[in-house]
Amino acid sequence: MKRHLSALAALTVLLVPVGLEAQDTDWNRYTLQGLGGVFVRAEADAACESAGVTGSSLLAESAVKLIEADVDVLTEQQMLENAGLPEVRITVECAVGAGNGTAGTLAYGVSVRVQQSAQMIRDTQVTLPEAVTWYATEIGVASAEDAADALAAAIDGKIAEFAAAYVAANTEEGGN
């Protein structure tokens, strides 16, 4: 009985999504200035796909939301021609509850990060093709019935955070 109460208490605490602090400082926004747009890549694992979030739908919906928010979306070819190789990578990972009071639940993690080419200051001969320069994440747990809505809200929120940071960094006031 104690085990079930402990599991129930843990689930109660976890049922409220937790938005982790985004890496959205002046310095991180500075890394978004003048990128000329971003290529969008999206990934969802099998458990998320069972909840209705596929990589292809995530990619299409996110690209539309970014364009609507005045973020320039690049094709893969345009990204490869850009010296910074700017990419927004959206990753959604899920785990289905299987017992100990977790049956009928879905735990999820949503990550939106900007990756671009970077060069080390102390040795400019060292160039990294992918360095994370901005990110935002959220983790949460939802009931199986509410999983699709919870995932959609988390994804939309993180995309909106990135779009706001990108637009702020690329406006006249943002230093561009």
N, C-alpha and C. Protein backbone atom coordinates (compact mmCIF):
# COMPACT_ATOMS: atom_id res chain seq x y z
N MET A 1 0.82 -1.20 0.00
CA MET A 1 0.00 0.00 0.00
C MET A 1 0.87 1.26 0.00
N LYS A 2 1.94 1.24 0.82
CA LYS A 2 2.82 2.41 0.87
C LYS A 2 3.45 2.68 -0.48
N ARG A 3 3.80 1.61 -1.20
CA ARG A 3 4.41 1.76 -2.51
C ARG A 3 3.45 2.46 -3.47
N HIS A 4 2.18 2.07 -3.45
CA HIS A 4 1.19 2.68 -4.33
C HIS A 4 0.96 4.14 -3.96
N LEU A 5 0.93 4.45 -2.66
CA LEU A 5 0.76 5.84 -2.24
C LEU A 5 1.96 6.68 -2.64
N SER A 6 3.15 6.11 -2.53
CA SER A 6 4.36 6.84 -2.94
C SER A 6 4.34 7.10 -4.44
N ALA A 7 3.96 6.08 -5.21
CA ALA A 7 3.89 6.25 -6.66
C ALA A 7 2.82 7.29 -7.01
N LEU A 8 1.70 7.26 -6.33
CA LEU A 8 0.63 8.23 -6.58
C LEU A 8 1.08 9.64 -6.23
N ALA A 9 1.78 9.78 -5.12
CA ALA A 9 2.30 11.10 -4.72
C ALA A 9 3.30 11.61 -5.75
N ALA A 10 4.19 10.75 -6.21
CA ALA A 10 5.17 11.15 -7.22
C ALA A 10 4.48 11.56 -8.50
N LEU A 11 3.47 10.81 -8.92
CA LEU A 11 2.74 11.15 -10.14
C LEU A 11 2.00 12.48 -9.98
N THR A 12 1.44 12.71 -8.81
CA THR A 12 0.73 13.97 -8.57
C THR A 12 1.68 15.15 -8.75
N VAL A 13 2.88 15.03 -8.22
CA VAL A 13 3.87 16.09 -8.37
C VAL A 13 4.28 16.22 -9.83
N LEU A 14 4.42 15.10 -10.50
CA LEU A 14 4.91 15.12 -11.88
C LEU A 14 3.85 15.48 -12.91
N LEU A 15 2.58 15.38 -12.57
CA LEU A 15 1.54 15.65 -13.55
C LEU A 15 1.53 17.11 -14.00
N VAL A 16 2.17 17.96 -13.27
CA VAL A 16 2.29 19.36 -13.67
C VAL A 16 3.58 19.47 -14.50
N PRO A 17 3.50 19.88 -15.77
CA PRO A 17 4.70 19.98 -16.58
C PRO A 17 5.71 20.94 -15.97
N VAL A 18 6.96 20.62 -16.14
CA VAL A 18 8.03 21.45 -15.60
C VAL A 18 8.80 22.04 -16.77
N GLY A 19 8.77 23.35 -16.91
CA GLY A 19 9.56 24.01 -17.93
C GLY A 19 10.93 24.31 -17.33
N LEU A 20 11.94 23.70 -17.85
CA LEU A 20 13.28 23.96 -17.36
C LEU A 20 13.75 25.29 -17.91
N GLU A 21 14.61 25.94 -17.19
CA GLU A 21 15.10 27.26 -17.58
C GLU A 21 15.74 27.19 -18.96
N ALA A 22 15.26 28.00 -19.86
CA ALA A 22 15.84 28.06 -21.19
C ALA A 22 17.19 28.76 -21.12
N GLN A 23 18.06 28.38 -21.99
CA GLN A 23 19.34 29.06 -22.09
C GLN A 23 19.09 30.25 -23.02
N ASP A 24 18.47 31.29 -22.46
CA ASP A 24 18.07 32.45 -23.23
C ASP A 24 18.58 33.71 -22.55
N THR A 25 19.88 33.90 -22.60
CA THR A 25 20.52 35.07 -22.02
C THR A 25 20.89 36.03 -23.15
N ASP A 26 21.38 37.21 -22.79
CA ASP A 26 21.83 38.14 -23.83
C ASP A 26 22.88 37.48 -24.71
N TRP A 27 23.80 36.74 -24.09
CA TRP A 27 24.86 36.09 -24.87
C TRP A 27 24.27 35.06 -25.83
N ASN A 28 23.34 34.24 -25.33
CA ASN A 28 22.74 33.23 -26.20
C ASN A 28 21.93 33.86 -27.32
N ARG A 29 21.24 34.94 -27.03
CA ARG A 29 20.51 35.63 -28.09
C ARG A 29 21.48 36.23 -29.11
N TYR A 30 22.62 36.69 -28.62
CA TYR A 30 23.64 37.23 -29.53
C TYR A 30 24.04 36.19 -30.57
N THR A 31 24.07 34.92 -30.19
CA THR A 31 24.45 33.86 -31.13
C THR A 31 23.39 33.65 -32.21
N LEU A 32 22.20 34.23 -32.03
CA LEU A 32 21.14 34.11 -33.02
C LEU A 32 21.14 35.27 -34.02
N GLN A 33 21.89 36.33 -33.70
CA GLN A 33 21.90 37.51 -34.57
C GLN A 33 22.53 37.20 -35.92
N GLY A 34 21.85 37.64 -36.95
CA GLY A 34 22.39 37.54 -38.30
C GLY A 34 22.55 36.14 -38.85
N LEU A 35 21.85 35.16 -38.28
CA LEU A 35 21.96 33.80 -38.79
C LEU A 35 21.42 33.67 -40.21
N GLY A 36 20.47 34.52 -40.56
CA GLY A 36 19.89 34.42 -41.89
C GLY A 36 18.85 33.33 -42.01
N GLY A 37 18.40 32.81 -40.87
CA GLY A 37 17.39 31.76 -40.86
C GLY A 37 17.94 30.49 -40.24
N VAL A 38 17.07 29.51 -40.13
CA VAL A 38 17.43 28.22 -39.55
C VAL A 38 16.79 27.09 -40.34
N PHE A 39 17.51 26.00 -40.43
CA PHE A 39 16.96 24.75 -40.97
C PHE A 39 16.28 24.05 -39.81
N VAL A 40 15.14 23.42 -40.03
CA VAL A 40 14.39 22.77 -38.96
C VAL A 40 14.49 21.25 -39.13
N ARG A 41 14.89 20.59 -38.05
CA ARG A 41 14.93 19.13 -38.01
C ARG A 41 14.10 18.71 -36.81
N ALA A 42 13.27 17.69 -36.96
CA ALA A 42 12.39 17.26 -35.87
C ALA A 42 12.43 15.74 -35.74
N GLU A 43 12.44 15.29 -34.49
CA GLU A 43 12.51 13.86 -34.20
C GLU A 43 11.53 13.52 -33.08
N ALA A 44 10.81 12.43 -33.25
CA ALA A 44 9.92 11.93 -32.21
C ALA A 44 10.13 10.43 -32.11
N ASP A 45 10.20 9.90 -30.90
CA ASP A 45 10.41 8.46 -30.75
C ASP A 45 9.08 7.70 -30.91
N ALA A 46 9.17 6.38 -30.89
CA ALA A 46 7.99 5.53 -31.14
C ALA A 46 6.89 5.75 -30.11
N ALA A 47 7.26 5.96 -28.84
CA ALA A 47 6.23 6.17 -27.81
C ALA A 47 5.47 7.46 -28.06
N CYS A 48 6.16 8.50 -28.53
CA CYS A 48 5.47 9.76 -28.86
C CYS A 48 4.60 9.59 -30.09
N GLU A 49 5.09 8.80 -31.03
CA GLU A 49 4.28 8.56 -32.23
C GLU A 49 2.99 7.84 -31.88
N SER A 50 3.04 6.95 -30.88
CA SER A 50 1.81 6.28 -30.45
C SER A 50 0.83 7.26 -29.81
N ALA A 51 1.34 8.39 -29.34
CA ALA A 51 0.49 9.44 -28.75
C ALA A 51 0.05 10.45 -29.80
N GLY A 52 0.46 10.25 -31.06
CA GLY A 52 0.01 11.12 -32.13
C GLY A 52 1.00 12.18 -32.59
N VAL A 53 2.22 12.16 -32.08
CA VAL A 53 3.24 13.13 -32.50
C VAL A 53 4.29 12.40 -33.31
N THR A 54 4.29 12.63 -34.61
CA THR A 54 5.28 12.01 -35.49
C THR A 54 6.34 13.04 -35.86
N GLY A 55 7.49 12.55 -36.26
CA GLY A 55 8.56 13.45 -36.68
C GLY A 55 8.14 14.33 -37.84
N SER A 56 7.43 13.75 -38.81
CA SER A 56 7.03 14.53 -39.99
C SER A 56 5.98 15.58 -39.65
N SER A 57 5.01 15.23 -38.79
CA SER A 57 4.00 16.24 -38.41
C SER A 57 4.63 17.31 -37.55
N LEU A 58 5.55 16.93 -36.68
CA LEU A 58 6.26 17.88 -35.83
C LEU A 58 7.05 18.85 -36.69
N LEU A 59 7.73 18.35 -37.70
CA LEU A 59 8.52 19.18 -38.60
C LEU A 59 7.62 20.18 -39.35
N ALA A 60 6.55 19.68 -39.93
CA ALA A 60 5.67 20.55 -40.72
C ALA A 60 5.02 21.63 -39.86
N GLU A 61 4.47 21.23 -38.72
CA GLU A 61 3.78 22.20 -37.85
C GLU A 61 4.75 23.22 -37.26
N SER A 62 5.93 22.77 -36.89
CA SER A 62 6.92 23.69 -36.31
C SER A 62 7.42 24.68 -37.34
N ALA A 63 7.68 24.23 -38.56
CA ALA A 63 8.14 25.13 -39.61
C ALA A 63 7.10 26.21 -39.89
N VAL A 64 5.84 25.83 -39.94
CA VAL A 64 4.77 26.81 -40.17
C VAL A 64 4.72 27.83 -39.03
N LYS A 65 4.80 27.35 -37.78
CA LYS A 65 4.76 28.26 -36.63
C LYS A 65 5.95 29.23 -36.65
N LEU A 66 7.12 28.74 -37.03
CA LEU A 66 8.30 29.61 -37.10
C LEU A 66 8.14 30.66 -38.19
N ILE A 67 7.66 30.26 -39.34
CA ILE A 67 7.44 31.21 -40.44
C ILE A 67 6.43 32.27 -40.02
N GLU A 68 5.34 31.84 -39.38
CA GLU A 68 4.31 32.78 -38.90
C GLU A 68 4.87 33.76 -37.87
N ALA A 69 5.92 33.34 -37.15
CA ALA A 69 6.53 34.19 -36.12
C ALA A 69 7.68 35.04 -36.68
N ASP A 70 7.82 35.06 -38.00
CA ASP A 70 8.86 35.83 -38.69
C ASP A 70 10.27 35.28 -38.49
N VAL A 71 10.39 33.98 -38.31
CA VAL A 71 11.69 33.32 -38.30
C VAL A 71 11.90 32.76 -39.70
N ASP A 72 13.03 33.11 -40.31
CA ASP A 72 13.32 32.61 -41.64
C ASP A 72 13.68 31.13 -41.56
N VAL A 73 12.95 30.30 -42.30
CA VAL A 73 13.19 28.86 -42.33
C VAL A 73 13.94 28.53 -43.61
N LEU A 74 15.07 27.85 -43.45
CA LEU A 74 15.93 27.52 -44.58
C LEU A 74 15.70 26.09 -45.05
N THR A 75 15.93 25.86 -46.32
CA THR A 75 15.97 24.50 -46.82
C THR A 75 17.31 23.90 -46.37
N GLU A 76 17.45 22.61 -46.50
CA GLU A 76 18.72 21.98 -46.12
C GLU A 76 19.86 22.52 -46.97
N GLN A 77 19.62 22.73 -48.25
CA GLN A 77 20.66 23.27 -49.13
C GLN A 77 21.07 24.68 -48.71
N GLN A 78 20.10 25.51 -48.37
CA GLN A 78 20.41 26.87 -47.91
C GLN A 78 21.20 26.83 -46.60
N MET A 79 20.85 25.92 -45.72
CA MET A 79 21.59 25.78 -44.46
C MET A 79 23.03 25.38 -44.73
N LEU A 80 23.24 24.45 -45.64
CA LEU A 80 24.59 23.98 -45.94
C LEU A 80 25.44 25.06 -46.62
N GLU A 81 24.80 26.00 -47.28
CA GLU A 81 25.52 27.11 -47.92
C GLU A 81 25.80 28.25 -46.94
N ASN A 82 25.19 28.20 -45.76
CA ASN A 82 25.38 29.22 -44.73
C ASN A 82 26.59 28.83 -43.89
N ALA A 83 27.53 29.75 -43.68
CA ALA A 83 28.75 29.44 -42.93
C ALA A 83 28.47 28.93 -41.52
N GLY A 84 27.38 29.37 -40.92
CA GLY A 84 27.06 28.96 -39.56
C GLY A 84 26.35 27.62 -39.45
N LEU A 85 25.90 27.05 -40.56
CA LEU A 85 25.13 25.80 -40.56
C LEU A 85 24.01 25.83 -39.50
N PRO A 86 23.18 26.91 -39.50
CA PRO A 86 22.19 27.07 -38.43
C PRO A 86 21.03 26.08 -38.54
N GLU A 87 20.79 25.40 -37.43
CA GLU A 87 19.74 24.39 -37.40
C GLU A 87 18.98 24.47 -36.08
N VAL A 88 17.66 24.38 -36.15
CA VAL A 88 16.84 24.20 -34.96
C VAL A 88 16.47 22.74 -34.93
N ARG A 89 16.84 22.08 -33.86
CA ARG A 89 16.52 20.66 -33.72
C ARG A 89 15.48 20.50 -32.62
N ILE A 90 14.34 19.92 -32.98
CA ILE A 90 13.24 19.70 -32.06
C ILE A 90 13.17 18.20 -31.79
N THR A 91 13.31 17.84 -30.52
CA THR A 91 13.32 16.43 -30.15
C THR A 91 12.23 16.20 -29.11
N VAL A 92 11.43 15.17 -29.34
CA VAL A 92 10.37 14.80 -28.41
C VAL A 92 10.57 13.33 -28.06
N GLU A 93 10.70 13.07 -26.75
CA GLU A 93 10.89 11.71 -26.26
C GLU A 93 9.81 11.39 -25.24
N CYS A 94 9.30 10.17 -25.31
CA CYS A 94 8.21 9.77 -24.43
C CYS A 94 8.47 8.39 -23.83
N ALA A 95 7.85 8.14 -22.70
CA ALA A 95 7.88 6.83 -22.06
C ALA A 95 6.48 6.55 -21.54
N VAL A 96 5.97 5.37 -21.88
CA VAL A 96 4.63 4.97 -21.46
C VAL A 96 4.73 4.29 -20.10
N GLY A 97 3.86 4.70 -19.17
CA GLY A 97 3.83 4.09 -17.85
C GLY A 97 3.45 2.63 -17.95
N ALA A 98 4.14 1.78 -17.17
CA ALA A 98 3.92 0.35 -17.30
C ALA A 98 3.56 -0.34 -15.99
N GLY A 99 3.51 0.36 -14.91
CA GLY A 99 3.18 -0.31 -13.65
C GLY A 99 3.52 0.57 -12.47
N ASN A 100 3.39 -0.01 -11.29
CA ASN A 100 3.66 0.71 -10.04
C ASN A 100 2.91 2.04 -9.98
N GLY A 101 1.68 2.06 -10.41
CA GLY A 101 0.88 3.27 -10.35
C GLY A 101 1.06 4.20 -11.53
N THR A 102 1.85 3.80 -12.53
CA THR A 102 2.08 4.68 -13.68
C THR A 102 1.31 4.25 -14.92
N ALA A 103 0.60 3.14 -14.86
CA ALA A 103 -0.17 2.67 -16.02
C ALA A 103 -1.15 3.76 -16.44
N GLY A 104 -1.28 3.97 -17.73
CA GLY A 104 -2.20 4.98 -18.25
C GLY A 104 -1.61 6.37 -18.28
N THR A 105 -0.30 6.47 -18.11
CA THR A 105 0.36 7.78 -18.16
C THR A 105 1.45 7.78 -19.22
N LEU A 106 1.84 8.96 -19.59
CA LEU A 106 2.91 9.14 -20.56
C LEU A 106 3.84 10.24 -20.04
N ALA A 107 5.09 9.91 -19.83
CA ALA A 107 6.09 10.91 -19.46
C ALA A 107 6.72 11.41 -20.75
N TYR A 108 7.01 12.71 -20.81
CA TYR A 108 7.57 13.26 -22.04
C TYR A 108 8.65 14.30 -21.75
N GLY A 109 9.49 14.47 -22.74
CA GLY A 109 10.49 15.52 -22.71
C GLY A 109 10.52 16.20 -24.06
N VAL A 110 10.47 17.51 -24.08
CA VAL A 110 10.51 18.29 -25.31
C VAL A 110 11.76 19.17 -25.26
N SER A 111 12.53 19.13 -26.32
CA SER A 111 13.76 19.91 -26.39
C SER A 111 13.81 20.67 -27.71
N VAL A 112 14.06 21.97 -27.64
CA VAL A 112 14.27 22.80 -28.83
C VAL A 112 15.64 23.43 -28.65
N ARG A 113 16.54 23.15 -29.59
CA ARG A 113 17.89 23.70 -29.46
C ARG A 113 18.40 24.19 -30.81
N VAL A 114 19.20 25.24 -30.74
CA VAL A 114 19.85 25.76 -31.93
C VAL A 114 21.26 25.21 -31.96
N GLN A 115 21.60 24.62 -33.08
CA GLN A 115 22.95 24.11 -33.28
C GLN A 115 23.53 24.86 -34.47
N GLN A 116 24.78 25.25 -34.32
CA GLN A 116 25.46 25.92 -35.42
C GLN A 116 26.95 25.67 -35.32
N SER A 117 27.63 25.96 -36.38
CA SER A 117 29.08 25.80 -36.42
C SER A 117 29.70 26.83 -35.49
N ALA A 118 30.76 26.41 -34.78
CA ALA A 118 31.44 27.31 -33.85
C ALA A 118 32.94 27.11 -33.95
N GLN A 119 33.66 28.15 -33.58
CA GLN A 119 35.11 28.10 -33.62
C GLN A 119 35.64 28.43 -32.22
N MET A 120 36.64 27.67 -31.78
CA MET A 120 37.21 27.92 -30.46
C MET A 120 38.04 29.19 -30.47
N ILE A 121 37.95 29.95 -29.39
CA ILE A 121 38.70 31.20 -29.27
C ILE A 121 40.18 30.92 -29.05
N ARG A 122 40.50 29.99 -28.17
CA ARG A 122 41.91 29.76 -27.84
C ARG A 122 42.69 29.08 -28.95
N ASP A 123 42.00 28.40 -29.86
CA ASP A 123 42.67 27.78 -31.00
C ASP A 123 41.71 27.84 -32.18
N THR A 124 41.82 28.89 -32.99
CA THR A 124 40.87 29.12 -34.08
C THR A 124 40.96 28.08 -35.19
N GLN A 125 41.93 27.19 -35.11
CA GLN A 125 41.99 26.10 -36.08
C GLN A 125 40.97 25.02 -35.77
N VAL A 126 40.44 25.03 -34.53
CA VAL A 126 39.45 24.04 -34.13
C VAL A 126 38.05 24.61 -34.40
N THR A 127 37.34 23.96 -35.30
CA THR A 127 35.97 24.35 -35.64
C THR A 127 35.06 23.17 -35.35
N LEU A 128 33.97 23.46 -34.65
CA LEU A 128 32.98 22.42 -34.35
C LEU A 128 31.81 22.57 -35.31
N PRO A 129 31.45 21.53 -36.04
CA PRO A 129 30.34 21.65 -36.98
C PRO A 129 28.99 21.82 -36.29
N GLU A 130 28.87 21.34 -35.04
CA GLU A 130 27.61 21.47 -34.31
C GLU A 130 27.89 21.83 -32.86
N ALA A 131 27.50 23.03 -32.48
CA ALA A 131 27.58 23.45 -31.09
C ALA A 131 26.21 23.99 -30.71
N VAL A 132 25.70 23.58 -29.56
CA VAL A 132 24.40 24.08 -29.10
C VAL A 132 24.62 25.48 -28.53
N THR A 133 23.94 26.46 -29.12
CA THR A 133 24.11 27.84 -28.68
C THR A 133 22.86 28.42 -28.01
N TRP A 134 21.73 27.74 -28.11
CA TRP A 134 20.49 28.18 -27.46
C TRP A 134 19.64 26.95 -27.27
N TYR A 135 18.94 26.85 -26.14
CA TYR A 135 18.04 25.71 -25.95
C TYR A 135 16.92 26.03 -24.97
N ALA A 136 15.85 25.24 -25.06
CA ALA A 136 14.75 25.28 -24.11
C ALA A 136 14.18 23.87 -24.02
N THR A 137 13.84 23.43 -22.81
CA THR A 137 13.31 22.09 -22.62
C THR A 137 12.12 22.12 -21.67
N GLU A 138 11.33 21.07 -21.76
CA GLU A 138 10.21 20.88 -20.83
C GLU A 138 10.02 19.39 -20.63
N ILE A 139 9.75 19.01 -19.39
CA ILE A 139 9.41 17.63 -19.10
C ILE A 139 8.07 17.60 -18.38
N GLY A 140 7.36 16.50 -18.54
CA GLY A 140 6.07 16.40 -17.88
C GLY A 140 5.50 15.00 -17.96
N VAL A 141 4.39 14.82 -17.31
CA VAL A 141 3.65 13.56 -17.33
C VAL A 141 2.20 13.90 -17.57
N ALA A 142 1.57 13.11 -18.42
CA ALA A 142 0.15 13.33 -18.72
C ALA A 142 -0.57 11.99 -18.75
N SER A 143 -1.86 12.04 -18.54
CA SER A 143 -2.65 10.82 -18.68
C SER A 143 -2.67 10.44 -20.16
N ALA A 144 -2.93 9.19 -20.43
CA ALA A 144 -2.96 8.72 -21.82
C ALA A 144 -3.97 9.52 -22.65
N GLU A 145 -5.09 9.88 -22.03
CA GLU A 145 -6.13 10.63 -22.76
C GLU A 145 -5.68 12.05 -23.09
N ASP A 146 -4.87 12.64 -22.22
CA ASP A 146 -4.45 14.03 -22.39
C ASP A 146 -3.06 14.18 -23.01
N ALA A 147 -2.42 13.07 -23.35
CA ALA A 147 -1.03 13.09 -23.81
C ALA A 147 -0.85 13.94 -25.06
N ALA A 148 -1.71 13.78 -26.05
CA ALA A 148 -1.55 14.53 -27.31
C ALA A 148 -1.66 16.03 -27.06
N ASP A 149 -2.62 16.45 -26.24
CA ASP A 149 -2.77 17.87 -25.94
C ASP A 149 -1.60 18.41 -25.13
N ALA A 150 -1.13 17.62 -24.16
CA ALA A 150 0.01 18.06 -23.33
C ALA A 150 1.27 18.19 -24.18
N LEU A 151 1.50 17.24 -25.06
CA LEU A 151 2.67 17.31 -25.95
C LEU A 151 2.57 18.51 -26.88
N ALA A 152 1.40 18.73 -27.45
CA ALA A 152 1.22 19.87 -28.37
C ALA A 152 1.47 21.19 -27.65
N ALA A 153 0.97 21.32 -26.43
CA ALA A 153 1.17 22.56 -25.67
C ALA A 153 2.64 22.76 -25.33
N ALA A 154 3.33 21.70 -24.94
CA ALA A 154 4.76 21.81 -24.61
C ALA A 154 5.58 22.18 -25.83
N ILE A 155 5.29 21.54 -26.95
CA ILE A 155 6.02 21.82 -28.20
C ILE A 155 5.77 23.26 -28.64
N ASP A 156 4.50 23.66 -28.65
CA ASP A 156 4.16 25.03 -29.06
C ASP A 156 4.84 26.06 -28.17
N GLY A 157 4.88 25.79 -26.87
CA GLY A 157 5.52 26.72 -25.94
C GLY A 157 7.00 26.88 -26.20
N LYS A 158 7.69 25.79 -26.45
CA LYS A 158 9.14 25.86 -26.69
C LYS A 158 9.45 26.49 -28.05
N ILE A 159 8.63 26.22 -29.06
CA ILE A 159 8.81 26.85 -30.37
C ILE A 159 8.60 28.36 -30.23
N ALA A 160 7.58 28.75 -29.47
CA ALA A 160 7.31 30.18 -29.25
C ALA A 160 8.47 30.86 -28.51
N GLU A 161 9.06 30.17 -27.54
CA GLU A 161 10.22 30.73 -26.83
C GLU A 161 11.38 30.98 -27.79
N PHE A 162 11.66 29.99 -28.64
CA PHE A 162 12.74 30.18 -29.59
C PHE A 162 12.43 31.31 -30.56
N ALA A 163 11.22 31.33 -31.09
CA ALA A 163 10.85 32.36 -32.06
C ALA A 163 10.99 33.75 -31.45
N ALA A 164 10.57 33.92 -30.21
CA ALA A 164 10.69 35.22 -29.54
C ALA A 164 12.16 35.61 -29.39
N ALA A 165 13.00 34.67 -29.01
CA ALA A 165 14.43 34.96 -28.85
C ALA A 165 15.06 35.31 -30.19
N TYR A 166 14.72 34.57 -31.23
CA TYR A 166 15.28 34.81 -32.56
C TYR A 166 14.87 36.18 -33.09
N VAL A 167 13.59 36.48 -32.99
CA VAL A 167 13.08 37.76 -33.49
C VAL A 167 13.70 38.91 -32.69
N ALA A 168 13.78 38.76 -31.37
CA ALA A 168 14.38 39.81 -30.54
C ALA A 168 15.84 40.04 -30.91
N ALA A 169 16.56 38.98 -31.22
CA ALA A 169 17.98 39.10 -31.57
C ALA A 169 18.17 39.70 -32.96
N ASN A 170 17.17 39.64 -33.79
CA ASN A 170 17.31 40.09 -35.16
C ASN A 170 16.45 41.30 -35.50
N THR A 171 16.10 42.08 -34.50
CA THR A 171 15.40 43.35 -34.73
C THR A 171 16.39 44.49 -34.52
N GLU A 172 16.01 45.67 -34.88
CA GLU A 172 16.87 46.83 -34.70
C GLU A 172 17.32 46.98 -33.25
N GLU A 173 16.37 46.75 -32.31
CA GLU A 173 16.71 46.88 -30.89
C GLU A 173 17.61 45.74 -30.46
N GLY A 174 17.50 44.58 -31.14
CA GLY A 174 18.28 43.40 -30.75
C GLY A 174 19.73 43.50 -31.18
N GLY A 175 20.09 44.51 -31.87
CA GLY A 175 21.50 44.68 -32.22
C GLY A 175 21.83 44.44 -33.66
N ASN A 176 20.84 44.15 -34.48
CA ASN A 176 21.12 43.87 -35.88
C ASN A 176 21.14 45.12 -36.72
